[in-house]
Amino acid sequence: MSLGRARRNEPEVAQTGGPGAIVSFDWHGCAAHLEATKQPTIERIERFLALPARHEDRLSPSSDGAVVSVRSEDGGALVRTGAWQAWAAGDDQLTYLILEALGQVFIEAYAGTVFHAAAFEHDRGTVVIHGPAQSGKTSLLYRAWRRGFTVISDDRVALEADCQTVQAFPRCLKLRCHGDAEAAALASGIPSDLFAKAAVGPDRRIILARTLPGFLSYGETRPIRALVQVERTADETQLEAIEPSAALSVALRNIVSSDFNPTAVVHLIKSQADQGSLYRLRIGPDQIDAALDLLAEI
């Protein structure tokens, strides 16, 4: 996969002071506002989300609840929404927190169904992978991207009204890693301005920008070829068919949007059951590549 030429390194923006701009990012009729942010930070968020920023003179009353603010504090930056706040020590951590906050705004504003899921497209169609945290979704998606498959989105997938197609959610691919050597391997060949390394509590993340080649553009939709429930196992990796009742209960637990119609998920499960495309994937230790091989044959 050609990753393009690297641009200049980003400046440290988390330690700058003074007022900044107000911009909005629009996705699927939803607007998320970013307040008091420096221009280099805005440009970086645009690059990572692959969404253009619209500059605004002021925030309107209707934007209440959809605002992410950034304030310089204690040599870093405080990122705040109406529900939470977190402090960033440097540029990469600031990027991570802003991306997380904007994603939550979009979840709250979106009128449809958002899955805690990942999705990618290969020659045979689109595979949607859902399951609990640390079940292997992001690792599978990253390996799929490295193989040249198209990434739809990581960790969040928007289900269309027809309950049979998906589109990308504005969220970057974010990998957990351990140590500098693993981080360097995961970011190998990627221009320095198109990934970030952020420490978040005990976790360390590699974040890939959606402007990299191989990410589905917003507004495009893809029919679901298979819906796969993933989980970890101590045994060998195995892909098996799953009954609709079992698939439904797990799928409902993996809906993250606050305002959704459960019948949409029922219709999704029914349509996949009619196609014989409901699966459970059990991933054994260090067997992500073997698991992806099975998914690519669906």
C-alpha atoms as a PDB file:
ATOM      1  CA  MET A   1       0.000   0.000   0.000  1.00  0.00           C
ATOM      2  CA  SER A   2       1.435   3.381  -1.015  1.00  0.00           C
ATOM      3  CA  LEU A   3       1.178   5.799   1.899  1.00  0.00           C
ATOM      4  CA  GLY A   4       2.283   8.981   0.142  1.00  0.00           C
ATOM      5  CA  ARG A   5       4.919  11.515   1.110  1.00  0.00           C
ATOM      6  CA  ALA A   6       5.391  12.763   4.665  1.00  0.00           C
ATOM      7  CA  ARG A   7       4.629  16.382   5.415  1.00  0.00           C
ATOM      8  CA  ARG A   8       6.447  18.458   8.013  1.00  0.00           C
ATOM      9  CA  ASN A   9       6.190  17.437  11.666  1.00  0.00           C
ATOM     10  CA  GLU A  10       3.397  19.006  13.664  1.00  0.00           C
ATOM     11  CA  PRO A  11       4.312  21.684  16.250  1.00  0.00           C
ATOM     12  CA  GLU A  12       3.535  21.191  19.911  1.00  0.00           C
ATOM     13  CA  VAL A  13       0.185  22.947  20.152  1.00  0.00           C
ATOM     14  CA  ALA A  14      -0.968  21.798  23.593  1.00  0.00           C
ATOM     15  CA  GLN A  15       1.293  24.322  25.338  1.00  0.00           C
ATOM     16  CA  THR A  16       0.219  27.468  23.509  1.00  0.00           C
ATOM     17  CA  GLY A  17      -1.979  30.060  25.189  1.00  0.00           C
ATOM     18  CA  GLY A  18      -4.554  32.655  24.202  1.00  0.00           C
ATOM     19  CA  PRO A  19      -7.917  32.395  22.429  1.00  0.00           C
ATOM     20  CA  GLY A  20      -8.370  30.241  19.361  1.00  0.00           C
ATOM     21  CA  ALA A  21     -10.859  29.673  16.580  1.00  0.00           C
ATOM     22  CA  ILE A  22     -14.329  28.177  16.635  1.00  0.00           C
ATOM     23  CA  VAL A  23     -14.956  25.556  13.968  1.00  0.00           C
ATOM     24  CA  SER A  24     -17.537  22.913  13.178  1.00  0.00           C
ATOM     25  CA  PHE A  25     -17.210  19.454  11.660  1.00  0.00           C
ATOM     26  CA  ASP A  26     -20.254  18.117   9.820  1.00  0.00           C
ATOM     27  CA  TRP A  27     -21.145  14.464   9.303  1.00  0.00           C
ATOM     28  CA  HIS A  28     -24.444  12.943   8.172  1.00  0.00           C
ATOM     29  CA  GLY A  29     -26.410  16.075   9.132  1.00  0.00           C
ATOM     30  CA  CYS A  30     -24.733  16.311  12.550  1.00  0.00           C
ATOM     31  CA  ALA A  31     -22.428  19.136  13.622  1.00  0.00           C
ATOM     32  CA  ALA A  32     -19.708  18.918  16.268  1.00  0.00           C
ATOM     33  CA  HIS A  33     -18.160  22.218  17.362  1.00  0.00           C
ATOM     34  CA  LEU A  34     -14.570  22.755  18.458  1.00  0.00           C
ATOM     35  CA  GLU A  35     -13.976  25.932  20.472  1.00  0.00           C
ATOM     36  CA  ALA A  36     -10.826  27.940  21.315  1.00  0.00           C
ATOM     37  CA  THR A  37      -8.524  25.813  19.189  1.00  0.00           C
ATOM     38  CA  LYS A  38      -5.285  26.814  17.460  1.00  0.00           C
ATOM     39  CA  GLN A  39      -5.066  26.566  13.672  1.00  0.00           C
ATOM     40  CA  PRO A  40      -2.382  23.807  13.622  1.00  0.00           C
ATOM     41  CA  THR A  41      -4.634  21.685  15.848  1.00  0.00           C
ATOM     42  CA  ILE A  42      -7.617  22.307  13.577  1.00  0.00           C
ATOM     43  CA  GLU A  43      -5.595  21.272  10.546  1.00  0.00           C
ATOM     44  CA  ARG A  44      -4.481  18.106  12.285  1.00  0.00           C
ATOM     45  CA  ILE A  45      -8.030  17.137  13.272  1.00  0.00           C
ATOM     46  CA  GLU A  46      -9.151  17.770   9.695  1.00  0.00           C
ATOM     47  CA  ARG A  47      -6.428  15.433   8.480  1.00  0.00           C
ATOM     48  CA  PHE A  48      -7.146  12.676  10.990  1.00  0.00           C
ATOM     49  CA  LEU A  49     -10.936  12.737  10.579  1.00  0.00           C
ATOM     50  CA  ALA A  50     -10.863  13.516   6.831  1.00  0.00           C
ATOM     51  CA  LEU A  51     -13.542  16.143   7.474  1.00  0.00           C
ATOM     52  CA  PRO A  52     -13.170  19.843   6.587  1.00  0.00           C
ATOM     53  CA  ALA A  53     -13.535  22.388   9.380  1.00  0.00           C
ATOM     54  CA  ARG A  54     -16.077  25.183   8.913  1.00  0.00           C
ATOM     55  CA  HIS A  55     -15.027  28.375  10.715  1.00  0.00           C
ATOM     56  CA  GLU A  56     -17.671  30.192  12.752  1.00  0.00           C
ATOM     57  CA  ASP A  57     -17.776  33.654  14.341  1.00  0.00           C
ATOM     58  CA  ARG A  58     -19.605  32.467  17.430  1.00  0.00           C
ATOM     59  CA  LEU A  59     -21.480  29.522  18.889  1.00  0.00           C
ATOM     60  CA  SER A  60     -25.253  29.573  18.563  1.00  0.00           C
ATOM     61  CA  PRO A  61     -27.608  28.512  21.391  1.00  0.00           C
ATOM     62  CA  SER A  62     -28.555  25.462  19.319  1.00  0.00           C
ATOM     63  CA  SER A  63     -24.986  24.158  19.580  1.00  0.00           C
ATOM     64  CA  ASP A  64     -25.326  23.532  23.313  1.00  0.00           C
ATOM     65  CA  GLY A  65     -24.277  19.973  24.123  1.00  0.00           C
ATOM     66  CA  ALA A  66     -22.321  19.582  20.876  1.00  0.00           C
ATOM     67  CA  VAL A  67     -19.266  21.654  21.847  1.00  0.00           C
ATOM     68  CA  VAL A  68     -15.733  20.465  22.572  1.00  0.00           C
ATOM     69  CA  SER A  69     -13.603  23.197  24.123  1.00  0.00           C
ATOM     70  CA  VAL A  70      -9.821  23.377  24.483  1.00  0.00           C
ATOM     71  CA  ARG A  71      -8.135  25.624  27.061  1.00  0.00           C
ATOM     72  CA  SER A  72      -4.419  25.997  27.845  1.00  0.00           C
ATOM     73  CA  GLU A  73      -3.722  24.876  31.397  1.00  0.00           C
ATOM     74  CA  ASP A  74      -0.635  23.874  33.420  1.00  0.00           C
ATOM     75  CA  GLY A  75       1.636  23.668  30.392  1.00  0.00           C
ATOM     76  CA  GLY A  76      -0.829  21.499  28.491  1.00  0.00           C
ATOM     77  CA  ALA A  77      -4.468  21.708  27.443  1.00  0.00           C
ATOM     78  CA  LEU A  78      -7.799  20.901  29.061  1.00  0.00           C
ATOM     79  CA  VAL A  79     -10.329  19.287  26.719  1.00  0.00           C
ATOM     80  CA  ARG A  80     -13.932  19.614  27.909  1.00  0.00           C
ATOM     81  CA  THR A  81     -17.420  18.636  26.805  1.00  0.00           C
ATOM     82  CA  GLY A  82     -20.701  18.939  28.667  1.00  0.00           C
ATOM     83  CA  ALA A  83     -20.161  15.476  30.146  1.00  0.00           C
ATOM     84  CA  TRP A  84     -16.424  15.114  30.867  1.00  0.00           C
ATOM     85  CA  GLN A  85     -13.005  16.706  30.800  1.00  0.00           C
ATOM     86  CA  ALA A  86      -9.426  15.466  30.438  1.00  0.00           C
ATOM     87  CA  TRP A  87      -5.980  17.041  30.414  1.00  0.00           C
ATOM     88  CA  ALA A  88      -3.512  16.615  27.544  1.00  0.00           C
ATOM     89  CA  ALA A  89       0.228  16.909  28.118  1.00  0.00           C
ATOM     90  CA  GLY A  90       1.237  17.188  24.467  1.00  0.00           C
ATOM     91  CA  ASP A  91       0.139  17.377  20.870  1.00  0.00           C
ATOM     92  CA  ASP A  92      -0.556  13.670  20.275  1.00  0.00           C
ATOM     93  CA  GLN A  93      -2.547  13.262  23.477  1.00  0.00           C
ATOM     94  CA  LEU A  94      -4.503  16.423  22.630  1.00  0.00           C
ATOM     95  CA  THR A  95      -5.324  14.965  19.211  1.00  0.00           C
ATOM     96  CA  TYR A  96      -6.523  11.721  20.793  1.00  0.00           C
ATOM     97  CA  LEU A  97      -8.790  13.482  23.302  1.00  0.00           C
ATOM     98  CA  ILE A  98     -10.322  15.821  20.730  1.00  0.00           C
ATOM     99  CA  LEU A  99     -11.048  12.901  18.396  1.00  0.00           C
ATOM    100  CA  GLU A 100     -12.691  10.974  21.241  1.00  0.00           C
ATOM    101  CA  ALA A 101     -14.782  13.982  22.264  1.00  0.00           C
ATOM    102  CA  LEU A 102     -15.949  14.754  18.716  1.00  0.00           C
ATOM    103  CA  GLY A 103     -16.878  11.118  18.223  1.00  0.00           C
ATOM    104  CA  GLN A 104     -19.075  11.187  21.311  1.00  0.00           C
ATOM    105  CA  VAL A 105     -20.806  14.334  20.057  1.00  0.00           C
ATOM    106  CA  PHE A 106     -21.591  12.612  16.762  1.00  0.00           C
ATOM    107  CA  ILE A 107     -22.966   9.559  18.572  1.00  0.00           C
ATOM    108  CA  GLU A 108     -25.319  11.723  20.609  1.00  0.00           C
ATOM    109  CA  ALA A 109     -26.429  13.758  17.589  1.00  0.00           C
ATOM    110  CA  TYR A 110     -26.905  10.930  15.094  1.00  0.00           C
ATOM    111  CA  ALA A 111     -30.529   9.912  14.627  1.00  0.00           C
ATOM    112  CA  GLY A 112     -29.720   6.407  13.430  1.00  0.00           C
ATOM    113  CA  THR A 113     -28.027   3.329  14.852  1.00  0.00           C
ATOM    114  CA  VAL A 114     -24.327   3.278  15.696  1.00  0.00           C
ATOM    115  CA  PHE A 115     -22.627  -0.061  16.391  1.00  0.00           C
ATOM    116  CA  HIS A 116     -19.656  -0.712  18.623  1.00  0.00           C
ATOM    117  CA  ALA A 117     -18.138  -2.477  15.628  1.00  0.00           C
ATOM    118  CA  ALA A 118     -15.480  -2.388  12.948  1.00  0.00           C
ATOM    119  CA  ALA A 119     -15.975  -2.955   9.230  1.00  0.00           C
ATOM    120  CA  PHE A 120     -13.810  -3.571   6.202  1.00  0.00           C
ATOM    121  CA  GLU A 121     -14.393  -4.442   2.556  1.00  0.00           C
ATOM    122  CA  HIS A 122     -12.621  -7.123   0.540  1.00  0.00           C
ATOM    123  CA  ASP A 123     -13.256  -8.631  -2.891  1.00  0.00           C
ATOM    124  CA  ARG A 124     -16.300 -10.608  -1.706  1.00  0.00           C
ATOM    125  CA  GLY A 125     -18.012  -7.771   0.166  1.00  0.00           C
ATOM    126  CA  THR A 126     -18.184  -5.954   3.477  1.00  0.00           C
ATOM    127  CA  VAL A 127     -17.619  -7.689   6.806  1.00  0.00           C
ATOM    128  CA  VAL A 128     -18.928  -6.047   9.987  1.00  0.00           C
ATOM    129  CA  ILE A 129     -17.210  -7.228  13.179  1.00  0.00           C
ATOM    130  CA  HIS A 130     -18.792  -6.571  16.560  1.00  0.00           C
ATOM    131  CA  GLY A 131     -17.946  -7.637  20.080  1.00  0.00           C
ATOM    132  CA  PRO A 132     -16.708  -6.400  23.462  1.00  0.00           C
ATOM    133  CA  ALA A 133     -13.679  -4.200  24.050  1.00  0.00           C
ATOM    134  CA  GLN A 134     -10.298  -5.877  23.400  1.00  0.00           C
ATOM    135  CA  SER A 135     -11.895  -8.759  21.502  1.00  0.00           C
ATOM    136  CA  GLY A 136      -9.683  -8.144  18.455  1.00  0.00           C
ATOM    137  CA  LYS A 137     -11.771  -5.841  16.252  1.00  0.00           C
ATOM    138  CA  THR A 138      -9.166  -3.126  15.777  1.00  0.00           C
ATOM    139  CA  SER A 139      -6.302  -5.589  15.334  1.00  0.00           C
ATOM    140  CA  LEU A 140      -8.279  -7.361  12.593  1.00  0.00           C
ATOM    141  CA  LEU A 141      -9.077  -4.056  10.928  1.00  0.00           C
ATOM    142  CA  TYR A 142      -5.437  -2.932  10.994  1.00  0.00           C
ATOM    143  CA  ARG A 143      -4.242  -6.204   9.445  1.00  0.00           C
ATOM    144  CA  ALA A 144      -6.993  -5.891   6.827  1.00  0.00           C
ATOM    145  CA  TRP A 145      -5.787  -2.385   6.006  1.00  0.00           C
ATOM    146  CA  ARG A 146      -2.188  -3.579   5.719  1.00  0.00           C
ATOM    147  CA  ARG A 147      -3.351  -6.253   3.263  1.00  0.00           C
ATOM    148  CA  GLY A 148      -4.924  -3.602   1.050  1.00  0.00           C
ATOM    149  CA  PHE A 149      -8.550  -4.106   2.042  1.00  0.00           C
ATOM    150  CA  THR A 150     -10.709  -1.003   2.428  1.00  0.00           C
ATOM    151  CA  VAL A 151     -11.381   0.156   5.992  1.00  0.00           C
ATOM    152  CA  ILE A 152     -14.922   1.437   6.523  1.00  0.00           C
ATOM    153  CA  SER A 153     -14.401   2.435  10.158  1.00  0.00           C
ATOM    154  CA  ASP A 154     -13.004   1.249  13.456  1.00  0.00           C
ATOM    155  CA  ASP A 155     -14.932   0.798  16.706  1.00  0.00           C
ATOM    156  CA  ARG A 156     -18.021   2.632  15.416  1.00  0.00           C
ATOM    157  CA  VAL A 157     -20.110   1.841  12.330  1.00  0.00           C
ATOM    158  CA  ALA A 158     -23.262   3.662  11.225  1.00  0.00           C
ATOM    159  CA  LEU A 159     -26.142   1.429  10.142  1.00  0.00           C
ATOM    160  CA  GLU A 160     -28.241   2.850   7.319  1.00  0.00           C
ATOM    161  CA  ALA A 161     -32.045   3.027   7.477  1.00  0.00           C
ATOM    162  CA  ASP A 162     -32.428  -0.004   5.183  1.00  0.00           C
ATOM    163  CA  CYS A 163     -30.712  -2.125   7.894  1.00  0.00           C
ATOM    164  CA  GLN A 164     -28.581  -3.812   5.238  1.00  0.00           C
ATOM    165  CA  THR A 165     -25.869  -1.249   4.490  1.00  0.00           C
ATOM    166  CA  VAL A 166     -23.286   0.638   6.537  1.00  0.00           C
ATOM    167  CA  GLN A 167     -21.227   3.775   6.192  1.00  0.00           C
ATOM    168  CA  ALA A 168     -18.124   5.146   7.872  1.00  0.00           C
ATOM    169  CA  PHE A 169     -18.367   6.813  11.275  1.00  0.00           C
ATOM    170  CA  PRO A 170     -15.944   9.720  11.896  1.00  0.00           C
ATOM    171  CA  ARG A 171     -13.492   7.802  14.036  1.00  0.00           C
ATOM    172  CA  CYS A 172      -9.852   6.899  13.445  1.00  0.00           C
ATOM    173  CA  LEU A 173      -8.234   3.492  13.681  1.00  0.00           C
ATOM    174  CA  LYS A 174      -6.650   3.393  17.154  1.00  0.00           C
ATOM    175  CA  LEU A 175      -4.379   0.511  18.085  1.00  0.00           C
ATOM    176  CA  ARG A 176      -3.201  -0.478  21.540  1.00  0.00           C
ATOM    177  CA  CYS A 177       0.515  -1.157  21.715  1.00  0.00           C
ATOM    178  CA  HIS A 178       3.199  -1.992  24.261  1.00  0.00           C
ATOM    179  CA  GLY A 179       6.542  -0.259  24.085  1.00  0.00           C
ATOM    180  CA  ASP A 180       8.450   1.733  21.496  1.00  0.00           C
ATOM    181  CA  ALA A 181       9.410  -1.250  19.354  1.00  0.00           C
ATOM    182  CA  GLU A 182       5.801  -2.318  18.788  1.00  0.00           C
ATOM    183  CA  ALA A 183       4.740   1.279  18.179  1.00  0.00           C
ATOM    184  CA  ALA A 184       7.464   1.693  15.545  1.00  0.00           C
ATOM    185  CA  ALA A 185       6.430  -1.545  13.839  1.00  0.00           C
ATOM    186  CA  LEU A 186       2.761  -0.569  13.705  1.00  0.00           C
ATOM    187  CA  ALA A 187       3.590   2.849  12.240  1.00  0.00           C
ATOM    188  CA  SER A 188       6.157   1.516   9.772  1.00  0.00           C
ATOM    189  CA  GLY A 189       5.957   3.238   6.389  1.00  0.00           C
ATOM    190  CA  ILE A 190       3.320   5.757   7.494  1.00  0.00           C
ATOM    191  CA  PRO A 191       4.156   9.477   7.087  1.00  0.00           C
ATOM    192  CA  SER A 192       4.810  11.086  10.463  1.00  0.00           C
ATOM    193  CA  ASP A 193       1.937  13.579  10.138  1.00  0.00           C
ATOM    194  CA  LEU A 194      -0.577  10.803   9.432  1.00  0.00           C
ATOM    195  CA  PHE A 195      -0.248   8.937  12.710  1.00  0.00           C
ATOM    196  CA  ALA A 196      -0.034   9.873  16.383  1.00  0.00           C
ATOM    197  CA  LYS A 197       1.303   8.062  19.457  1.00  0.00           C
ATOM    198  CA  ALA A 198      -0.731   8.921  22.537  1.00  0.00           C
ATOM    199  CA  ALA A 199      -0.477   7.680  26.115  1.00  0.00           C
ATOM    200  CA  VAL A 200      -3.937   7.336  27.637  1.00  0.00           C
ATOM    201  CA  GLY A 201      -3.765   6.146  31.242  1.00  0.00           C
ATOM    202  CA  PRO A 202      -1.989   2.766  31.222  1.00  0.00           C
ATOM    203  CA  ASP A 203      -2.639   2.357  27.495  1.00  0.00           C
ATOM    204  CA  ARG A 204      -0.574   3.568  24.595  1.00  0.00           C
ATOM    205  CA  ARG A 205      -2.280   4.107  21.244  1.00  0.00           C
ATOM    206  CA  ILE A 206      -1.231   4.444  17.632  1.00  0.00           C
ATOM    207  CA  ILE A 207      -3.822   6.549  15.795  1.00  0.00           C
ATOM    208  CA  LEU A 208      -4.039   6.449  11.989  1.00  0.00           C
ATOM    209  CA  ALA A 209      -5.428   9.384  10.000  1.00  0.00           C
ATOM    210  CA  ARG A 210      -8.421   8.676   7.764  1.00  0.00           C
ATOM    211  CA  THR A 211      -6.730  10.647   4.970  1.00  0.00           C
ATOM    212  CA  LEU A 212      -4.390   7.686   4.480  1.00  0.00           C
ATOM    213  CA  PRO A 213      -5.135   5.559   1.398  1.00  0.00           C
ATOM    214  CA  GLY A 214      -7.480   2.661   2.038  1.00  0.00           C
ATOM    215  CA  PHE A 215     -10.226   4.352   4.099  1.00  0.00           C
ATOM    216  CA  LEU A 216     -13.782   4.585   2.747  1.00  0.00           C
ATOM    217  CA  SER A 217     -14.975   8.119   2.025  1.00  0.00           C
ATOM    218  CA  TYR A 218     -17.909   9.528   3.972  1.00  0.00           C
ATOM    219  CA  GLY A 219     -21.225   9.430   2.169  1.00  0.00           C
ATOM    220  CA  GLU A 220     -20.440   6.109   0.503  1.00  0.00           C
ATOM    221  CA  THR A 221     -22.376   3.078   1.705  1.00  0.00           C
ATOM    222  CA  ARG A 222     -21.639  -0.619   1.476  1.00  0.00           C
ATOM    223  CA  PRO A 223     -24.023  -3.620   1.662  1.00  0.00           C
ATOM    224  CA  ILE A 224     -23.198  -5.965   4.523  1.00  0.00           C
ATOM    225  CA  ARG A 225     -21.839  -9.288   3.283  1.00  0.00           C
ATOM    226  CA  ALA A 226     -21.500 -10.812   6.755  1.00  0.00           C
ATOM    227  CA  LEU A 227     -22.070  -9.884  10.384  1.00  0.00           C
ATOM    228  CA  VAL A 228     -19.483 -11.471  12.670  1.00  0.00           C
ATOM    229  CA  GLN A 229     -19.461 -11.626  16.459  1.00  0.00           C
ATOM    230  CA  VAL A 230     -15.855 -11.809  17.724  1.00  0.00           C
ATOM    231  CA  GLU A 231     -14.443 -13.044  21.004  1.00  0.00           C
ATOM    232  CA  ARG A 232     -11.131 -14.254  22.390  1.00  0.00           C
ATOM    233  CA  THR A 233     -10.396 -17.886  23.184  1.00  0.00           C
ATOM    234  CA  ALA A 234      -7.480 -19.865  24.573  1.00  0.00           C
ATOM    235  CA  ASP A 235      -8.050 -22.497  21.873  1.00  0.00           C
ATOM    236  CA  GLU A 236      -7.570 -22.469  18.107  1.00  0.00           C
ATOM    237  CA  THR A 237      -9.159 -19.784  15.956  1.00  0.00           C
ATOM    238  CA  GLN A 238     -12.545 -20.874  14.618  1.00  0.00           C
ATOM    239  CA  LEU A 239     -15.293 -19.342  12.478  1.00  0.00           C
ATOM    240  CA  GLU A 240     -18.774 -20.836  12.814  1.00  0.00           C
ATOM    241  CA  ALA A 241     -22.371 -20.036  11.973  1.00  0.00           C
ATOM    242  CA  ILE A 242     -24.472 -18.574  14.775  1.00  0.00           C
ATOM    243  CA  GLU A 243     -28.186 -18.726  15.449  1.00  0.00           C
ATOM    244  CA  PRO A 244     -30.159 -15.465  14.945  1.00  0.00           C
ATOM    245  CA  SER A 245     -31.369 -15.369  18.569  1.00  0.00           C
ATOM    246  CA  ALA A 246     -27.805 -15.493  19.911  1.00  0.00           C
ATOM    247  CA  ALA A 247     -26.632 -12.940  17.336  1.00  0.00           C
ATOM    248  CA  LEU A 248     -29.445 -10.547  18.235  1.00  0.00           C
ATOM    249  CA  SER A 249     -28.738 -10.495  21.959  1.00  0.00           C
ATOM    250  CA  VAL A 250     -25.055  -9.695  21.393  1.00  0.00           C
ATOM    251  CA  ALA A 251     -25.772  -7.105  18.703  1.00  0.00           C
ATOM    252  CA  LEU A 252     -28.180  -5.216  20.947  1.00  0.00           C
ATOM    253  CA  ARG A 253     -25.518  -4.994  23.657  1.00  0.00           C
ATOM    254  CA  ASN A 254     -23.142  -3.441  21.137  1.00  0.00           C
ATOM    255  CA  ILE A 255     -25.344  -0.504  20.148  1.00  0.00           C
ATOM    256  CA  VAL A 256     -23.786   2.733  21.428  1.00  0.00           C
ATOM    257  CA  SER A 257     -26.213   5.344  20.076  1.00  0.00           C
ATOM    258  CA  SER A 258     -28.588   6.673  22.717  1.00  0.00           C
ATOM    259  CA  ASP A 259     -31.547   7.135  20.376  1.00  0.00           C
ATOM    260  CA  PHE A 260     -32.096   4.121  18.142  1.00  0.00           C
ATOM    261  CA  ASN A 261     -34.922   1.858  17.098  1.00  0.00           C
ATOM    262  CA  PRO A 262     -34.332  -1.754  18.253  1.00  0.00           C
ATOM    263  CA  THR A 263     -36.333  -2.984  15.279  1.00  0.00           C
ATOM    264  CA  ALA A 264     -33.486  -1.780  13.044  1.00  0.00           C
ATOM    265  CA  VAL A 265     -31.197  -4.302  14.716  1.00  0.00           C
ATOM    266  CA  VAL A 266     -33.863  -7.013  14.435  1.00  0.00           C
ATOM    267  CA  HIS A 267     -34.135  -6.302  10.719  1.00  0.00           C
ATOM    268  CA  LEU A 268     -30.357  -6.401  10.375  1.00  0.00           C
ATOM    269  CA  ILE A 269     -30.136  -9.809  12.045  1.00  0.00           C
ATOM    270  CA  LYS A 270     -33.052 -11.147   9.993  1.00  0.00           C
ATOM    271  CA  SER A 271     -31.567  -9.989   6.688  1.00  0.00           C
ATOM    272  CA  GLN A 272     -28.195 -11.554   7.521  1.00  0.00           C
ATOM    273  CA  ALA A 273     -29.864 -14.767   8.704  1.00  0.00           C
ATOM    274  CA  ASP A 274     -31.780 -14.974   5.419  1.00  0.00           C
ATOM    275  CA  GLN A 275     -28.437 -14.768   3.594  1.00  0.00           C
ATOM    276  CA  GLY A 276     -26.767 -17.291   5.901  1.00  0.00           C
ATOM    277  CA  SER A 277     -24.278 -14.592   6.898  1.00  0.00           C
ATOM    278  CA  LEU A 278     -24.291 -14.634  10.714  1.00  0.00           C
ATOM    279  CA  TYR A 279     -21.056 -15.867  12.259  1.00  0.00           C
ATOM    280  CA  ARG A 280     -19.088 -16.160  15.466  1.00  0.00           C
ATOM    281  CA  LEU A 281     -15.303 -15.806  15.246  1.00  0.00           C
ATOM    282  CA  ARG A 282     -13.234 -17.113  18.154  1.00  0.00           C
ATOM    283  CA  ILE A 283      -9.673 -15.769  17.988  1.00  0.00           C
ATOM    284  CA  GLY A 284      -6.876 -17.802  19.551  1.00  0.00           C
ATOM    285  CA  PRO A 285      -3.683 -16.371  21.036  1.00  0.00           C
ATOM    286  CA  ASP A 286      -1.508 -14.568  18.462  1.00  0.00           C
ATOM    287  CA  GLN A 287      -3.813 -15.685  15.639  1.00  0.00           C
ATOM    288  CA  ILE A 288      -5.096 -12.395  14.211  1.00  0.00           C
ATOM    289  CA  ASP A 289      -3.744 -13.194  10.746  1.00  0.00           C
ATOM    290  CA  ALA A 290      -5.349 -16.648  10.784  1.00  0.00           C
ATOM    291  CA  ALA A 291      -8.640 -15.058  11.872  1.00  0.00           C
ATOM    292  CA  LEU A 292      -8.448 -12.540   9.048  1.00  0.00           C
ATOM    293  CA  ASP A 293      -7.814 -15.342   6.571  1.00  0.00           C
ATOM    294  CA  LEU A 294     -11.109 -16.906   7.628  1.00  0.00           C
ATOM    295  CA  LEU A 295     -12.986 -13.609   7.312  1.00  0.00           C
ATOM    296  CA  ALA A 296     -11.560 -13.008   3.845  1.00  0.00           C
ATOM    297  CA  GLU A 297     -13.072 -16.311   2.677  1.00  0.00           C
ATOM    298  CA  ILE A 298     -16.636 -15.481   3.750  1.00  0.00           C
END
